[in-house]
Amino acid sequence: MNARVCFIGLVLGLALTDSTHAQDSATYSTLSFGVGLQAISNNDAFQSLYTYRGASLAFNSTYRSLRTKGHHIIDLTYSDGEIRSIVSPKADNQLLILNYDYLFKLKTKRINRRTTSLLGVALHTLLSSTNYLPEVESPKSYLSGSAFVVLGANILYRINEKNRIRLQSALPVLGLVYRPDFEINGKTLTAITSVWNSNFLSIKLEYSYTLTRKLHLRATYNYNYFTFGEPRRITLLQNAGLIGLVKKF
């Protein structure tokens, strides 16, 4: 999947979509908790040319502060589970994704009361710790991480009074990547990279159903893709489906 093409398509969709300020004009906040299953794929040439795959539980919490002009969003996802390849059937991976988005509502000439569109900036971070050989006497975990300044896009569509769909995506501008260096050097690499030297894509699709005025049921699909080529290539792919509750206050 080409991250830039997907993001540009979403931005164009926002530009062509009317947004409203009449709805959600009041300021309020929401806090959600969700749990679900994820599929993860890890190809780390630092340890092996094989791709490690596995499924595990994922946990998510999101704080959203909605204001008249825009939204503050803090999103945290954590998972811990086994990933497998031909050479290691019991490797263990811990994944932590922490994002902060500051998005502004778009203004348009006409009003569509069903849609709210936002664009803004964000900081998206990812930490992955993998123990490739847990069965050995002194197993060692290898940590990789990234922090990207991104352009964020968000579109909310109200199907009716109780049902809503939200799509959120991000495209990196500049990033900081932490990777272990070659073992013979005994060093680590911290590199500043541009959008052209790495690839990162974050997509979040949410469906929300209103149970009460201050309590919602939410189903979420998360897609996170990260790849970096220095000093040895790593590619991480996460697909997760979660369900949880949202409290409005």
Protein backbone atom coordinates (compact mmCIF):
# COMPACT_ATOMS: atom_id res chain seq x y z
CA MET A 1 0.00 0.00 0.00
CA ASN A 2 1.34 3.45 -0.92
CA ALA A 3 0.99 5.65 2.16
CA ARG A 4 1.21 8.92 0.25
CA VAL A 5 -1.48 7.95 -2.28
CA CYS A 6 -3.87 6.84 0.50
CA PHE A 7 -3.38 10.03 2.49
CA ILE A 8 -3.69 12.32 -0.53
CA GLY A 9 -6.93 10.56 -1.45
CA LEU A 10 -8.32 11.17 2.02
CA VAL A 11 -7.30 14.84 1.99
CA LEU A 12 -8.96 15.34 -1.39
CA GLY A 13 -12.06 13.69 -0.02
CA LEU A 14 -12.07 16.13 2.89
CA ALA A 15 -11.62 19.06 0.57
CA LEU A 16 -14.63 18.00 -1.48
CA THR A 17 -16.79 17.27 1.55
CA ASP A 18 -18.85 19.96 3.25
CA SER A 19 -18.20 20.28 6.98
CA THR A 20 -20.37 21.69 9.70
CA HIS A 21 -19.87 23.69 12.86
CA ALA A 22 -23.50 23.67 13.93
CA GLN A 23 -23.23 20.18 15.41
CA ASP A 24 -20.64 19.35 18.11
CA SER A 25 -20.27 23.08 18.77
CA ALA A 26 -20.30 22.49 22.54
CA THR A 27 -16.99 21.64 24.18
CA TYR A 28 -16.71 18.23 25.81
CA SER A 29 -14.35 15.27 26.19
CA THR A 30 -14.53 11.51 25.76
CA LEU A 31 -12.52 8.63 27.19
CA SER A 32 -12.66 5.17 25.66
CA PHE A 33 -11.29 1.73 26.48
CA GLY A 34 -11.21 -1.18 24.02
CA VAL A 35 -9.88 -4.71 23.69
CA GLY A 36 -9.60 -6.94 20.65
CA LEU A 37 -7.44 -9.14 18.44
CA GLN A 38 -4.55 -8.08 16.26
CA ALA A 39 -2.44 -9.70 13.56
CA ILE A 40 1.17 -8.54 13.43
CA SER A 41 3.90 -9.10 10.84
CA ASN A 42 7.54 -8.37 11.68
CA ASN A 43 10.40 -8.59 9.19
CA ASP A 44 13.63 -7.50 10.91
CA ALA A 45 16.82 -8.09 8.95
CA PHE A 46 18.81 -7.31 12.09
CA GLN A 47 18.05 -10.85 13.31
CA SER A 48 16.63 -12.82 10.40
CA LEU A 49 15.54 -12.60 6.79
CA TYR A 50 12.35 -14.47 7.72
CA THR A 51 9.04 -12.76 8.44
CA TYR A 52 7.57 -13.36 11.91
CA ARG A 53 3.76 -13.44 12.18
CA GLY A 54 1.34 -13.88 15.02
CA ALA A 55 -1.98 -12.97 16.61
CA SER A 56 -2.54 -11.60 20.12
CA LEU A 57 -4.76 -9.44 22.30
CA ALA A 58 -4.52 -5.68 21.87
CA PHE A 59 -5.65 -3.00 24.32
CA ASN A 60 -6.52 0.58 23.45
CA SER A 61 -7.42 3.75 25.28
CA THR A 62 -8.28 7.07 23.63
CA TYR A 63 -8.82 10.49 25.15
CA ARG A 64 -10.50 13.03 22.89
CA SER A 65 -11.01 16.70 23.80
CA LEU A 66 -13.46 18.35 21.41
CA ARG A 67 -13.42 22.12 21.19
CA THR A 68 -15.19 24.62 18.95
CA LYS A 69 -12.22 24.99 16.59
CA GLY A 70 -10.65 21.56 16.79
CA HIS A 71 -9.84 18.31 18.55
CA HIS A 72 -7.03 17.10 20.81
CA ILE A 73 -6.61 13.32 20.58
CA ILE A 74 -4.34 11.05 22.67
CA ASP A 75 -4.41 7.43 21.52
CA LEU A 76 -2.56 4.51 23.19
CA THR A 77 -2.42 0.88 21.98
CA TYR A 78 -0.49 -1.98 23.62
CA SER A 79 -0.07 -5.66 22.78
CA ASP A 80 2.10 -8.57 23.94
CA GLY A 81 2.12 -11.94 22.20
CA GLU A 82 3.98 -14.62 20.28
CA ILE A 83 5.14 -14.22 16.70
CA ARG A 84 6.51 -17.14 14.71
CA SER A 85 8.75 -17.94 11.78
CA ILE A 86 10.36 -21.09 10.42
CA VAL A 87 13.49 -20.58 12.52
CA SER A 88 11.79 -19.50 15.77
CA PRO A 89 8.32 -20.82 16.66
CA LYS A 90 8.10 -18.96 20.00
CA ALA A 91 9.42 -15.45 19.50
CA ASP A 92 7.74 -12.80 21.67
CA ASN A 93 6.80 -9.26 20.63
CA GLN A 94 5.62 -6.26 22.63
CA LEU A 95 4.17 -3.35 20.66
CA LEU A 96 3.37 0.11 22.00
CA ILE A 97 1.77 2.81 19.82
CA LEU A 98 1.22 6.30 21.26
CA ASN A 99 -0.24 9.12 19.14
CA TYR A 100 -1.13 12.74 19.78
CA ASP A 101 -3.19 14.65 17.20
CA TYR A 102 -4.18 18.32 17.13
CA LEU A 103 -6.75 18.75 14.37
CA PHE A 104 -8.63 21.84 13.17
CA LYS A 105 -12.14 21.88 11.73
CA LEU A 106 -12.38 22.81 8.08
CA LYS A 107 -14.63 25.68 7.05
CA THR A 108 -16.74 25.41 3.91
CA LYS A 109 -19.30 27.63 2.21
CA ARG A 110 -22.20 25.20 2.54
CA ILE A 111 -23.34 23.24 5.56
CA ASN A 112 -23.74 19.49 5.61
CA ARG A 113 -25.04 18.59 9.04
CA ARG A 114 -23.89 14.98 8.76
CA THR A 115 -20.17 15.57 8.22
CA THR A 116 -17.30 17.10 10.17
CA SER A 117 -13.85 17.28 8.56
CA LEU A 118 -10.53 18.06 10.26
CA LEU A 119 -6.90 18.53 9.27
CA GLY A 120 -3.89 19.19 11.48
CA VAL A 121 -0.54 18.06 12.84
CA ALA A 122 0.34 15.13 15.06
CA LEU A 123 3.12 13.17 16.73
CA HIS A 124 2.89 9.41 16.15
CA THR A 125 5.24 7.05 18.01
CA LEU A 126 5.86 3.31 17.83
CA LEU A 127 8.00 1.03 20.03
CA SER A 128 8.57 -2.65 19.25
CA SER A 129 10.50 -5.02 21.53
CA THR A 130 11.12 -8.55 20.24
CA ASN A 131 12.72 -11.58 21.90
CA TYR A 132 13.58 -13.79 18.93
CA LEU A 133 14.99 -16.73 20.92
CA PRO A 134 13.14 -16.93 24.26
CA GLU A 135 14.04 -20.62 24.68
CA VAL A 136 17.80 -19.97 25.06
CA GLU A 137 19.43 -19.69 28.47
CA SER A 138 19.93 -15.91 28.38
CA PRO A 139 17.34 -14.50 25.95
CA LYS A 140 17.78 -10.94 24.70
CA SER A 141 15.13 -8.51 23.50
CA TYR A 142 15.76 -6.04 20.69
CA LEU A 143 14.08 -2.63 20.76
CA SER A 144 13.16 -0.56 17.73
CA GLY A 145 11.28 2.72 17.83
CA SER A 146 10.11 5.69 15.81
CA ALA A 147 8.54 9.08 16.38
CA PHE A 148 7.06 10.91 13.38
CA VAL A 149 5.70 14.41 12.94
CA VAL A 150 2.73 13.83 10.65
CA LEU A 151 -0.07 15.58 8.82
CA GLY A 152 -3.35 14.24 10.17
CA ALA A 153 -6.78 14.01 8.54
CA ASN A 154 -10.07 13.08 10.16
CA ILE A 155 -13.60 12.83 8.82
CA LEU A 156 -16.72 12.08 10.88
CA TYR A 157 -19.98 11.05 9.20
CA ARG A 158 -23.25 10.85 11.15
CA ILE A 159 -25.42 8.11 9.66
CA ASN A 160 -28.28 9.04 11.96
CA GLU A 161 -28.86 10.15 15.54
CA LYS A 162 -27.28 7.01 17.06
CA ASN A 163 -24.78 5.77 14.44
CA ARG A 164 -21.50 7.41 13.41
CA ILE A 165 -18.45 6.48 11.34
CA ARG A 166 -15.05 8.15 11.72
CA LEU A 167 -11.96 7.75 9.50
CA GLN A 168 -8.56 9.03 10.58
CA SER A 169 -5.24 8.85 8.72
CA ALA A 170 -1.73 10.30 8.92
CA LEU A 171 1.20 10.98 6.58
CA PRO A 172 4.75 11.49 7.98
CA VAL A 173 6.78 14.63 7.36
CA LEU A 174 9.86 14.04 9.51
CA GLY A 175 10.80 11.24 11.88
CA LEU A 176 13.28 10.05 14.49
CA VAL A 177 14.11 6.32 14.31
CA TYR A 178 15.94 4.19 16.90
CA ARG A 179 17.46 0.92 15.70
CA PRO A 180 20.11 -1.51 17.02
CA ASP A 181 23.33 -1.35 15.02
CA PHE A 182 25.31 -4.41 13.93
CA GLU A 183 26.15 -6.65 16.89
CA ILE A 184 29.88 -6.62 16.16
CA ASN A 185 29.92 -2.85 16.73
CA GLY A 186 28.04 -3.00 19.99
CA LYS A 187 26.26 0.25 19.15
CA THR A 188 22.81 1.56 18.42
CA LEU A 189 21.64 3.88 15.69
CA THR A 190 19.45 6.92 16.17
CA ALA A 191 18.62 8.51 12.83
CA ILE A 192 16.57 11.51 11.77
CA THR A 193 14.72 10.63 8.60
CA SER A 194 12.41 12.36 6.13
CA VAL A 195 9.27 11.02 4.53
CA TRP A 196 11.36 9.88 1.54
CA ASN A 197 13.72 7.68 3.61
CA SER A 198 11.07 5.71 5.46
CA ASN A 199 7.46 4.70 5.11
CA PHE A 200 4.76 5.06 7.72
CA LEU A 201 1.00 4.86 7.50
CA SER A 202 -1.61 4.99 10.24
CA ILE A 203 -5.32 4.45 9.57
CA LYS A 204 -8.11 4.22 12.13
CA LEU A 205 -11.71 3.43 11.21
CA GLU A 206 -14.35 3.69 13.96
CA TYR A 207 -18.03 2.83 14.21
CA SER A 208 -19.90 4.30 17.18
CA TYR A 209 -23.37 3.47 18.49
CA THR A 210 -25.05 5.66 21.11
CA LEU A 211 -26.27 3.66 24.10
CA THR A 212 -27.11 6.65 26.28
CA ARG A 213 -26.44 10.38 26.10
CA LYS A 214 -23.03 9.88 27.73
CA LEU A 215 -22.16 6.28 26.86
CA HIS A 216 -21.31 4.89 23.44
CA LEU A 217 -20.34 1.47 22.08
CA ARG A 218 -17.39 1.62 19.68
CA ALA A 219 -15.87 -0.84 17.22
CA THR A 220 -12.45 0.08 15.78
CA TYR A 221 -10.16 -1.15 13.03
CA ASN A 222 -6.49 -0.08 13.32
CA TYR A 223 -3.89 -0.32 10.56
CA ASN A 224 -0.28 0.64 11.29
CA TYR A 225 2.61 0.17 8.84
CA PHE A 226 6.22 1.16 9.45
CA THR A 227 9.41 0.42 7.51
CA PHE A 228 12.97 1.75 7.70
CA GLY A 229 16.10 0.64 5.87
CA GLU A 230 19.12 1.60 8.01
CA PRO A 231 21.32 0.02 9.25
CA ARG A 232 19.27 -3.09 8.49
CA ARG A 233 15.74 -3.06 7.16
CA ILE A 234 12.73 -3.51 9.43
CA THR A 235 9.07 -3.70 8.42
CA LEU A 236 6.22 -3.82 10.96
CA LEU A 237 2.56 -4.29 10.03
CA GLN A 238 -0.36 -4.31 12.45
CA ASN A 239 -4.02 -5.06 11.73
CA ALA A 240 -6.27 -4.87 14.78
CA GLY A 241 -9.98 -5.04 15.48
CA LEU A 242 -11.20 -3.80 18.88
CA ILE A 243 -14.48 -3.17 20.66
CA GLY A 244 -15.10 -1.05 23.73
CA LEU A 245 -17.02 1.69 25.49
CA VAL A 246 -16.76 5.48 25.23
CA LYS A 247 -17.65 7.75 28.14
CA LYS A 248 -18.60 11.35 27.39
CA PHE A 249 -18.05 14.03 30.02
